[in-house]
Amino acid sequence: MAEETKAAEKQFSIQKIHTKDISFETPNSPQIFTEKWEPAVDFNLGTNVQTLEENLYEVSLTVTVTVKCGEINAYLVEVTQAGVFTLQGFNEEEMGPMMGSFCPNILFPYAREVVSDLVNKGGFPQLLLAPVNFDALYAQHLQQAQQTPSPEKLN
């Protein structure tokens, strides 16, 4: 019964999803359009959490994609997709996975759509980003954090 009451006290809701920042660069256009299209894609993700007020957080997911043809930069696209989330009743141990995995997982489809649209509007073939396992990335982040000595331990 106590567990049911505790679970009922937990609240999660999405207040707003918004695109916070967009950048699209084609430094070698129009010459790049005359090259044979054999792209090499470099894909990076980053997250950021900001506390707005008690139980209200902004989680940002930044997706950066750099595409080259040989040594020539075809394009660079960077999108920061953000969401404002209410999280109430979660303990400290639960907040990490919520902010580091659950919320970015909600944001990624929006960011993926923005990236695809920008690339298409830039005159390039469609770029569909593969799904991301944010649970695995968060677990990897925790593992790396445990292996890296903190500054206090170095003194």
N, C-alpha and C. Protein backbone atom coordinates (compact mmCIF):
# COMPACT_ATOMS: atom_id res chain seq x y z
N MET A 1 0.82 -1.19 0.00
CA MET A 1 0.00 0.00 0.00
C MET A 1 0.86 1.25 0.00
N ALA A 2 1.95 1.23 0.78
CA ALA A 2 2.84 2.39 0.84
C ALA A 2 3.47 2.65 -0.52
N GLU A 3 3.81 1.57 -1.24
CA GLU A 3 4.41 1.73 -2.57
C GLU A 3 3.42 2.35 -3.55
N GLU A 4 2.14 1.96 -3.45
CA GLU A 4 1.12 2.52 -4.32
C GLU A 4 0.96 4.02 -4.06
N THR A 5 0.97 4.41 -2.79
CA THR A 5 0.86 5.83 -2.43
C THR A 5 2.06 6.59 -2.95
N LYS A 6 3.25 6.00 -2.79
CA LYS A 6 4.48 6.65 -3.26
C LYS A 6 4.45 6.83 -4.78
N ALA A 7 4.00 5.79 -5.49
CA ALA A 7 3.92 5.87 -6.95
C ALA A 7 2.89 6.91 -7.39
N ALA A 8 1.80 7.02 -6.66
CA ALA A 8 0.78 7.99 -7.00
C ALA A 8 1.28 9.42 -6.81
N GLU A 9 2.25 9.62 -5.93
CA GLU A 9 2.80 10.94 -5.67
C GLU A 9 3.74 11.40 -6.78
N LYS A 10 4.23 10.48 -7.57
CA LYS A 10 5.14 10.82 -8.66
C LYS A 10 4.35 11.41 -9.81
N GLN A 11 4.84 12.54 -10.31
CA GLN A 11 4.18 13.18 -11.43
C GLN A 11 5.23 13.56 -12.48
N PHE A 12 4.91 13.23 -13.72
CA PHE A 12 5.73 13.62 -14.85
C PHE A 12 4.81 14.21 -15.89
N SER A 13 5.16 15.38 -16.41
CA SER A 13 4.39 15.94 -17.51
C SER A 13 5.28 16.80 -18.39
N ILE A 14 4.89 16.87 -19.64
CA ILE A 14 5.59 17.71 -20.62
C ILE A 14 4.84 19.04 -20.66
N GLN A 15 5.55 20.11 -20.37
CA GLN A 15 4.96 21.44 -20.41
C GLN A 15 5.11 22.08 -21.78
N LYS A 16 6.28 21.86 -22.40
CA LYS A 16 6.57 22.52 -23.69
C LYS A 16 7.72 21.79 -24.36
N ILE A 17 7.61 21.62 -25.67
CA ILE A 17 8.73 21.12 -26.47
C ILE A 17 9.01 22.20 -27.51
N HIS A 18 10.29 22.59 -27.59
CA HIS A 18 10.62 23.68 -28.51
C HIS A 18 12.03 23.49 -29.08
N THR A 19 12.22 24.05 -30.27
CA THR A 19 13.55 24.08 -30.87
C THR A 19 14.24 25.32 -30.33
N LYS A 20 15.36 25.11 -29.65
CA LYS A 20 16.05 26.20 -28.97
C LYS A 20 17.11 26.86 -29.86
N ASP A 21 17.76 26.07 -30.70
CA ASP A 21 18.82 26.60 -31.55
C ASP A 21 18.95 25.74 -32.80
N ILE A 22 19.17 26.40 -33.93
CA ILE A 22 19.36 25.71 -35.21
C ILE A 22 20.55 26.34 -35.94
N SER A 23 21.39 25.48 -36.51
CA SER A 23 22.48 25.96 -37.34
C SER A 23 22.63 25.00 -38.52
N PHE A 24 22.70 25.55 -39.72
CA PHE A 24 22.94 24.75 -40.90
C PHE A 24 23.95 25.48 -41.77
N GLU A 25 25.04 24.82 -42.07
CA GLU A 25 26.11 25.45 -42.87
C GLU A 25 26.48 24.54 -44.03
N THR A 26 26.64 25.15 -45.19
CA THR A 26 27.15 24.44 -46.37
C THR A 26 28.34 25.25 -46.89
N PRO A 27 29.50 25.08 -46.26
CA PRO A 27 30.65 25.95 -46.56
C PRO A 27 31.20 25.81 -47.98
N ASN A 28 30.91 24.70 -48.63
CA ASN A 28 31.47 24.47 -49.97
C ASN A 28 30.40 24.36 -51.05
N SER A 29 29.29 25.05 -50.84
CA SER A 29 28.27 25.05 -51.90
C SER A 29 28.49 26.27 -52.79
N PRO A 30 28.23 26.20 -54.02
CA PRO A 30 27.55 25.12 -54.74
C PRO A 30 28.51 24.04 -55.27
N GLN A 31 29.81 24.20 -55.06
CA GLN A 31 30.77 23.23 -55.61
C GLN A 31 30.50 21.81 -55.13
N ILE A 32 30.03 21.66 -53.89
CA ILE A 32 29.81 20.31 -53.34
C ILE A 32 28.78 19.53 -54.16
N PHE A 33 27.87 20.25 -54.82
CA PHE A 33 26.83 19.58 -55.60
C PHE A 33 27.36 18.96 -56.89
N THR A 34 28.60 19.29 -57.27
CA THR A 34 29.21 18.70 -58.46
C THR A 34 30.05 17.47 -58.11
N GLU A 35 30.25 17.22 -56.81
CA GLU A 35 31.04 16.07 -56.37
C GLU A 35 30.20 14.79 -56.37
N LYS A 36 30.87 13.64 -56.51
CA LYS A 36 30.18 12.36 -56.39
C LYS A 36 29.74 12.23 -54.93
N TRP A 37 28.47 11.89 -54.71
CA TRP A 37 27.91 11.86 -53.37
C TRP A 37 28.24 10.54 -52.67
N GLU A 38 29.34 10.55 -51.92
CA GLU A 38 29.75 9.42 -51.09
C GLU A 38 30.02 9.97 -49.70
N PRO A 39 28.95 10.22 -48.94
CA PRO A 39 29.10 10.93 -47.68
C PRO A 39 29.67 10.09 -46.54
N ALA A 40 30.43 10.76 -45.69
CA ALA A 40 30.88 10.21 -44.41
C ALA A 40 30.21 11.06 -43.34
N VAL A 41 29.46 10.40 -42.47
CA VAL A 41 28.64 11.11 -41.48
C VAL A 41 29.26 10.97 -40.09
N ASP A 42 29.42 12.12 -39.42
CA ASP A 42 29.87 12.15 -38.02
C ASP A 42 28.69 12.68 -37.20
N PHE A 43 28.27 11.93 -36.20
CA PHE A 43 27.06 12.22 -35.44
C PHE A 43 27.40 12.30 -33.96
N ASN A 44 27.01 13.40 -33.31
CA ASN A 44 27.28 13.58 -31.88
C ASN A 44 26.04 14.06 -31.15
N LEU A 45 25.92 13.66 -29.90
CA LEU A 45 24.80 14.05 -29.05
C LEU A 45 25.32 14.68 -27.77
N GLY A 46 24.55 15.61 -27.23
CA GLY A 46 24.86 16.19 -25.93
C GLY A 46 23.57 16.58 -25.24
N THR A 47 23.56 16.52 -23.92
CA THR A 47 22.38 16.92 -23.17
C THR A 47 22.76 17.94 -22.11
N ASN A 48 21.77 18.71 -21.72
CA ASN A 48 21.95 19.70 -20.67
C ASN A 48 20.64 19.80 -19.88
N VAL A 49 20.75 19.98 -18.57
CA VAL A 49 19.58 20.11 -17.72
C VAL A 49 19.69 21.42 -16.96
N GLN A 50 18.59 22.16 -16.93
CA GLN A 50 18.55 23.42 -16.20
C GLN A 50 17.29 23.39 -15.32
N THR A 51 17.49 23.70 -14.04
CA THR A 51 16.35 23.81 -13.13
C THR A 51 15.72 25.19 -13.31
N LEU A 52 14.44 25.22 -13.63
CA LEU A 52 13.74 26.48 -13.83
C LEU A 52 13.10 26.96 -12.52
N GLU A 53 12.49 26.06 -11.81
CA GLU A 53 11.93 26.32 -10.48
C GLU A 53 11.70 24.95 -9.86
N GLU A 54 11.18 24.92 -8.67
CA GLU A 54 10.98 23.65 -7.99
C GLU A 54 10.10 22.74 -8.86
N ASN A 55 10.60 21.54 -9.13
CA ASN A 55 9.91 20.51 -9.90
C ASN A 55 9.74 20.84 -11.39
N LEU A 56 10.38 21.90 -11.87
CA LEU A 56 10.27 22.29 -13.27
C LEU A 56 11.67 22.38 -13.88
N TYR A 57 11.90 21.63 -14.96
CA TYR A 57 13.23 21.52 -15.54
C TYR A 57 13.17 21.68 -17.05
N GLU A 58 14.24 22.28 -17.60
CA GLU A 58 14.42 22.28 -19.04
C GLU A 58 15.53 21.29 -19.36
N VAL A 59 15.22 20.34 -20.21
CA VAL A 59 16.22 19.38 -20.69
C VAL A 59 16.44 19.71 -22.16
N SER A 60 17.72 19.88 -22.52
CA SER A 60 18.09 20.19 -23.91
C SER A 60 18.90 19.04 -24.49
N LEU A 61 18.58 18.70 -25.71
CA LEU A 61 19.31 17.67 -26.46
C LEU A 61 19.91 18.35 -27.68
N THR A 62 21.24 18.31 -27.79
CA THR A 62 21.90 18.90 -28.95
C THR A 62 22.39 17.78 -29.86
N VAL A 63 21.97 17.85 -31.11
CA VAL A 63 22.36 16.88 -32.14
C VAL A 63 23.24 17.62 -33.14
N THR A 64 24.45 17.11 -33.34
CA THR A 64 25.38 17.71 -34.30
C THR A 64 25.75 16.66 -35.33
N VAL A 65 25.55 17.02 -36.60
CA VAL A 65 25.88 16.11 -37.70
C VAL A 65 26.80 16.85 -38.67
N THR A 66 27.95 16.25 -38.93
CA THR A 66 28.89 16.78 -39.92
C THR A 66 29.01 15.75 -41.03
N VAL A 67 28.82 16.20 -42.27
CA VAL A 67 28.90 15.29 -43.41
C VAL A 67 29.98 15.79 -44.35
N LYS A 68 30.87 14.86 -44.73
CA LYS A 68 31.95 15.16 -45.66
C LYS A 68 31.88 14.23 -46.85
N CYS A 69 32.34 14.73 -47.97
CA CYS A 69 32.59 13.91 -49.16
C CYS A 69 34.09 13.96 -49.37
N GLY A 70 34.73 12.85 -49.03
CA GLY A 70 36.19 12.86 -49.05
C GLY A 70 36.68 13.83 -47.99
N GLU A 71 37.47 14.79 -48.40
CA GLU A 71 38.00 15.80 -47.47
C GLU A 71 37.18 17.08 -47.47
N ILE A 72 36.14 17.12 -48.30
CA ILE A 72 35.34 18.34 -48.45
C ILE A 72 34.14 18.31 -47.51
N ASN A 73 33.97 19.36 -46.72
CA ASN A 73 32.79 19.48 -45.86
C ASN A 73 31.57 19.76 -46.73
N ALA A 74 30.61 18.86 -46.68
CA ALA A 74 29.36 19.06 -47.42
C ALA A 74 28.44 19.96 -46.61
N TYR A 75 28.18 19.56 -45.36
CA TYR A 75 27.35 20.39 -44.50
C TYR A 75 27.56 20.04 -43.04
N LEU A 76 27.15 20.99 -42.22
CA LEU A 76 27.15 20.82 -40.76
C LEU A 76 25.77 21.28 -40.30
N VAL A 77 25.09 20.44 -39.55
CA VAL A 77 23.80 20.80 -38.98
C VAL A 77 23.85 20.56 -37.48
N GLU A 78 23.37 21.54 -36.73
CA GLU A 78 23.30 21.40 -35.28
C GLU A 78 21.94 21.90 -34.82
N VAL A 79 21.27 21.07 -34.06
CA VAL A 79 19.94 21.38 -33.56
C VAL A 79 19.92 21.14 -32.06
N THR A 80 19.42 22.12 -31.32
CA THR A 80 19.18 21.93 -29.90
C THR A 80 17.67 21.92 -29.70
N GLN A 81 17.19 20.75 -29.36
CA GLN A 81 15.77 20.56 -29.10
C GLN A 81 15.60 20.52 -27.59
N ALA A 82 14.66 21.26 -27.07
CA ALA A 82 14.50 21.34 -25.62
C ALA A 82 13.06 21.05 -25.22
N GLY A 83 12.92 20.69 -23.98
CA GLY A 83 11.60 20.47 -23.42
C GLY A 83 11.57 20.97 -21.99
N VAL A 84 10.42 21.47 -21.60
CA VAL A 84 10.21 21.87 -20.21
C VAL A 84 9.33 20.77 -19.60
N PHE A 85 9.83 20.18 -18.53
CA PHE A 85 9.20 19.02 -17.91
C PHE A 85 8.93 19.27 -16.43
N THR A 86 7.79 18.78 -15.97
CA THR A 86 7.49 18.77 -14.54
C THR A 86 7.81 17.38 -14.03
N LEU A 87 8.66 17.32 -13.02
CA LEU A 87 8.99 16.05 -12.37
C LEU A 87 8.82 16.27 -10.87
N GLN A 88 7.88 15.56 -10.30
CA GLN A 88 7.59 15.74 -8.88
C GLN A 88 7.48 14.37 -8.22
N GLY A 89 8.05 14.25 -7.03
CA GLY A 89 7.94 13.02 -6.27
C GLY A 89 8.99 11.98 -6.58
N PHE A 90 9.94 12.30 -7.45
CA PHE A 90 11.02 11.36 -7.77
C PHE A 90 12.17 11.60 -6.80
N ASN A 91 12.77 10.51 -6.31
CA ASN A 91 13.92 10.68 -5.43
C ASN A 91 15.16 10.98 -6.27
N GLU A 92 16.24 11.33 -5.59
CA GLU A 92 17.47 11.74 -6.27
C GLU A 92 18.00 10.65 -7.20
N GLU A 93 17.87 9.42 -6.77
CA GLU A 93 18.34 8.28 -7.56
C GLU A 93 17.55 8.12 -8.86
N GLU A 94 16.28 8.47 -8.84
CA GLU A 94 15.42 8.35 -10.02
C GLU A 94 15.56 9.53 -10.97
N MET A 95 15.96 10.69 -10.44
CA MET A 95 16.05 11.89 -11.28
C MET A 95 17.12 11.76 -12.37
N GLY A 96 18.23 11.12 -12.07
CA GLY A 96 19.31 10.94 -13.06
C GLY A 96 18.82 10.28 -14.33
N PRO A 97 18.22 9.09 -14.23
CA PRO A 97 17.71 8.44 -15.43
C PRO A 97 16.58 9.22 -16.11
N MET A 98 15.77 9.90 -15.34
CA MET A 98 14.69 10.69 -15.95
C MET A 98 15.28 11.81 -16.82
N MET A 99 16.27 12.52 -16.29
CA MET A 99 16.87 13.65 -17.01
C MET A 99 17.87 13.19 -18.07
N GLY A 100 18.58 12.10 -17.80
CA GLY A 100 19.64 11.68 -18.70
C GLY A 100 19.21 10.70 -19.77
N SER A 101 18.02 10.10 -19.62
CA SER A 101 17.59 9.11 -20.58
C SER A 101 16.14 9.32 -21.03
N PHE A 102 15.23 9.37 -20.08
CA PHE A 102 13.81 9.43 -20.40
C PHE A 102 13.45 10.70 -21.18
N CYS A 103 13.85 11.86 -20.67
CA CYS A 103 13.52 13.13 -21.35
C CYS A 103 14.22 13.26 -22.71
N PRO A 104 15.54 12.95 -22.81
CA PRO A 104 16.17 13.01 -24.14
C PRO A 104 15.51 12.06 -25.15
N ASN A 105 15.02 10.92 -24.67
CA ASN A 105 14.33 9.98 -25.55
C ASN A 105 13.04 10.59 -26.11
N ILE A 106 12.38 11.42 -25.34
CA ILE A 106 11.19 12.13 -25.81
C ILE A 106 11.57 13.18 -26.85
N LEU A 107 12.70 13.87 -26.63
CA LEU A 107 13.11 14.98 -27.49
C LEU A 107 13.70 14.52 -28.83
N PHE A 108 14.33 13.35 -28.86
CA PHE A 108 15.07 12.94 -30.05
C PHE A 108 14.25 12.90 -31.34
N PRO A 109 13.03 12.36 -31.35
CA PRO A 109 12.27 12.36 -32.61
C PRO A 109 12.04 13.76 -33.17
N TYR A 110 11.85 14.73 -32.30
CA TYR A 110 11.67 16.11 -32.76
C TYR A 110 12.97 16.63 -33.39
N ALA A 111 14.08 16.38 -32.73
CA ALA A 111 15.38 16.82 -33.26
C ALA A 111 15.69 16.12 -34.58
N ARG A 112 15.39 14.83 -34.64
CA ARG A 112 15.65 14.06 -35.87
C ARG A 112 14.85 14.64 -37.04
N GLU A 113 13.61 15.04 -36.80
CA GLU A 113 12.78 15.64 -37.85
C GLU A 113 13.35 16.98 -38.31
N VAL A 114 13.80 17.80 -37.37
CA VAL A 114 14.38 19.11 -37.73
C VAL A 114 15.63 18.91 -38.57
N VAL A 115 16.50 17.98 -38.16
CA VAL A 115 17.72 17.70 -38.92
C VAL A 115 17.37 17.26 -40.33
N SER A 116 16.45 16.34 -40.47
CA SER A 116 16.06 15.83 -41.79
C SER A 116 15.52 16.96 -42.67
N ASP A 117 14.67 17.82 -42.10
CA ASP A 117 14.11 18.93 -42.87
C ASP A 117 15.20 19.91 -43.32
N LEU A 118 16.12 20.25 -42.42
CA LEU A 118 17.18 21.19 -42.77
C LEU A 118 18.07 20.65 -43.89
N VAL A 119 18.44 19.39 -43.78
CA VAL A 119 19.29 18.77 -44.80
C VAL A 119 18.58 18.77 -46.15
N ASN A 120 17.31 18.41 -46.15
CA ASN A 120 16.53 18.37 -47.38
C ASN A 120 16.40 19.77 -47.98
N LYS A 121 16.11 20.77 -47.16
CA LYS A 121 15.98 22.14 -47.65
C LYS A 121 17.31 22.71 -48.11
N GLY A 122 18.41 22.14 -47.62
CA GLY A 122 19.73 22.56 -48.05
C GLY A 122 20.13 21.98 -49.40
N GLY A 123 19.25 21.14 -49.97
CA GLY A 123 19.52 20.60 -51.30
C GLY A 123 20.25 19.26 -51.30
N PHE A 124 20.34 18.63 -50.14
CA PHE A 124 21.06 17.36 -50.03
C PHE A 124 20.09 16.20 -49.93
N PRO A 125 20.58 14.97 -50.23
CA PRO A 125 19.72 13.79 -50.07
C PRO A 125 19.26 13.66 -48.62
N GLN A 126 18.11 13.06 -48.44
CA GLN A 126 17.52 12.91 -47.12
C GLN A 126 18.48 12.22 -46.16
N LEU A 127 18.52 12.73 -44.94
CA LEU A 127 19.33 12.13 -43.87
C LEU A 127 18.38 11.68 -42.77
N LEU A 128 18.30 10.38 -42.57
CA LEU A 128 17.47 9.84 -41.50
C LEU A 128 18.39 9.30 -40.41
N LEU A 129 18.35 9.94 -39.26
CA LEU A 129 19.17 9.49 -38.14
C LEU A 129 18.57 8.24 -37.53
N ALA A 130 19.40 7.28 -37.22
CA ALA A 130 18.95 6.03 -36.61
C ALA A 130 18.48 6.31 -35.18
N PRO A 131 17.58 5.49 -34.67
CA PRO A 131 17.17 5.64 -33.27
C PRO A 131 18.37 5.52 -32.34
N VAL A 132 18.25 6.15 -31.18
CA VAL A 132 19.33 6.15 -30.20
C VAL A 132 18.83 5.48 -28.92
N ASN A 133 19.67 4.63 -28.33
CA ASN A 133 19.35 3.99 -27.06
C ASN A 133 19.88 4.88 -25.93
N PHE A 134 19.05 5.78 -25.44
CA PHE A 134 19.48 6.71 -24.40
C PHE A 134 19.71 6.01 -23.07
N ASP A 135 19.04 4.88 -22.83
CA ASP A 135 19.29 4.12 -21.60
C ASP A 135 20.74 3.62 -21.58
N ALA A 136 21.19 3.09 -22.71
CA ALA A 136 22.56 2.59 -22.80
C ALA A 136 23.57 3.73 -22.71
N LEU A 137 23.27 4.88 -23.35
CA LEU A 137 24.18 6.02 -23.28
C LEU A 137 24.29 6.55 -21.85
N TYR A 138 23.16 6.58 -21.15
CA TYR A 138 23.18 7.06 -19.76
C TYR A 138 23.97 6.10 -18.89
N ALA A 139 23.78 4.80 -19.07
CA ALA A 139 24.54 3.80 -18.31
C ALA A 139 26.04 3.94 -18.59
N GLN A 140 26.40 4.17 -19.84
CA GLN A 140 27.80 4.37 -20.21
C GLN A 140 28.35 5.63 -19.54
N HIS A 141 27.55 6.70 -19.51
CA HIS A 141 27.96 7.94 -18.86
C HIS A 141 28.23 7.71 -17.37
N LEU A 142 27.35 6.96 -16.70
CA LEU A 142 27.54 6.66 -15.28
C LEU A 142 28.80 5.85 -15.05
N GLN A 143 29.04 4.89 -15.92
CA GLN A 143 30.22 4.04 -15.80
C GLN A 143 31.50 4.87 -15.96
N GLN A 144 31.52 5.77 -16.95
CA GLN A 144 32.67 6.62 -17.15
C GLN A 144 32.88 7.56 -15.96
N ALA A 145 31.80 8.08 -15.41
CA ALA A 145 31.90 8.98 -14.26
C ALA A 145 32.48 8.27 -13.05
N GLN A 146 32.16 7.00 -12.87
CA GLN A 146 32.69 6.23 -11.76
C GLN A 146 34.17 5.93 -11.93
N GLN A 147 34.62 5.81 -13.17
CA GLN A 147 36.02 5.49 -13.45
C GLN A 147 36.92 6.71 -13.44
N THR A 148 36.34 7.91 -13.60
CA THR A 148 37.12 9.13 -13.61
C THR A 148 37.25 9.65 -12.18
N PRO A 149 38.49 9.81 -11.71
CA PRO A 149 38.65 10.29 -10.34
C PRO A 149 38.18 11.75 -10.21
N SER A 150 37.50 12.03 -9.11
CA SER A 150 37.05 13.39 -8.87
C SER A 150 38.22 14.24 -8.41
N PRO A 151 38.13 15.59 -8.56
CA PRO A 151 39.24 16.46 -8.15
C PRO A 151 39.60 16.30 -6.68
N GLU A 152 38.61 15.98 -5.80
CA GLU A 152 38.91 15.80 -4.38
C GLU A 152 39.83 14.60 -4.15
N LYS A 153 39.63 13.55 -4.97
CA LYS A 153 40.44 12.33 -4.82
C LYS A 153 41.87 12.53 -5.32
N LEU A 154 42.07 13.52 -6.17
CA LEU A 154 43.40 13.75 -6.72
C LEU A 154 44.31 14.48 -5.73
N ASN A 155 43.75 15.19 -4.78
CA ASN A 155 44.57 15.96 -3.82
C ASN A 155 45.05 15.12 -2.69
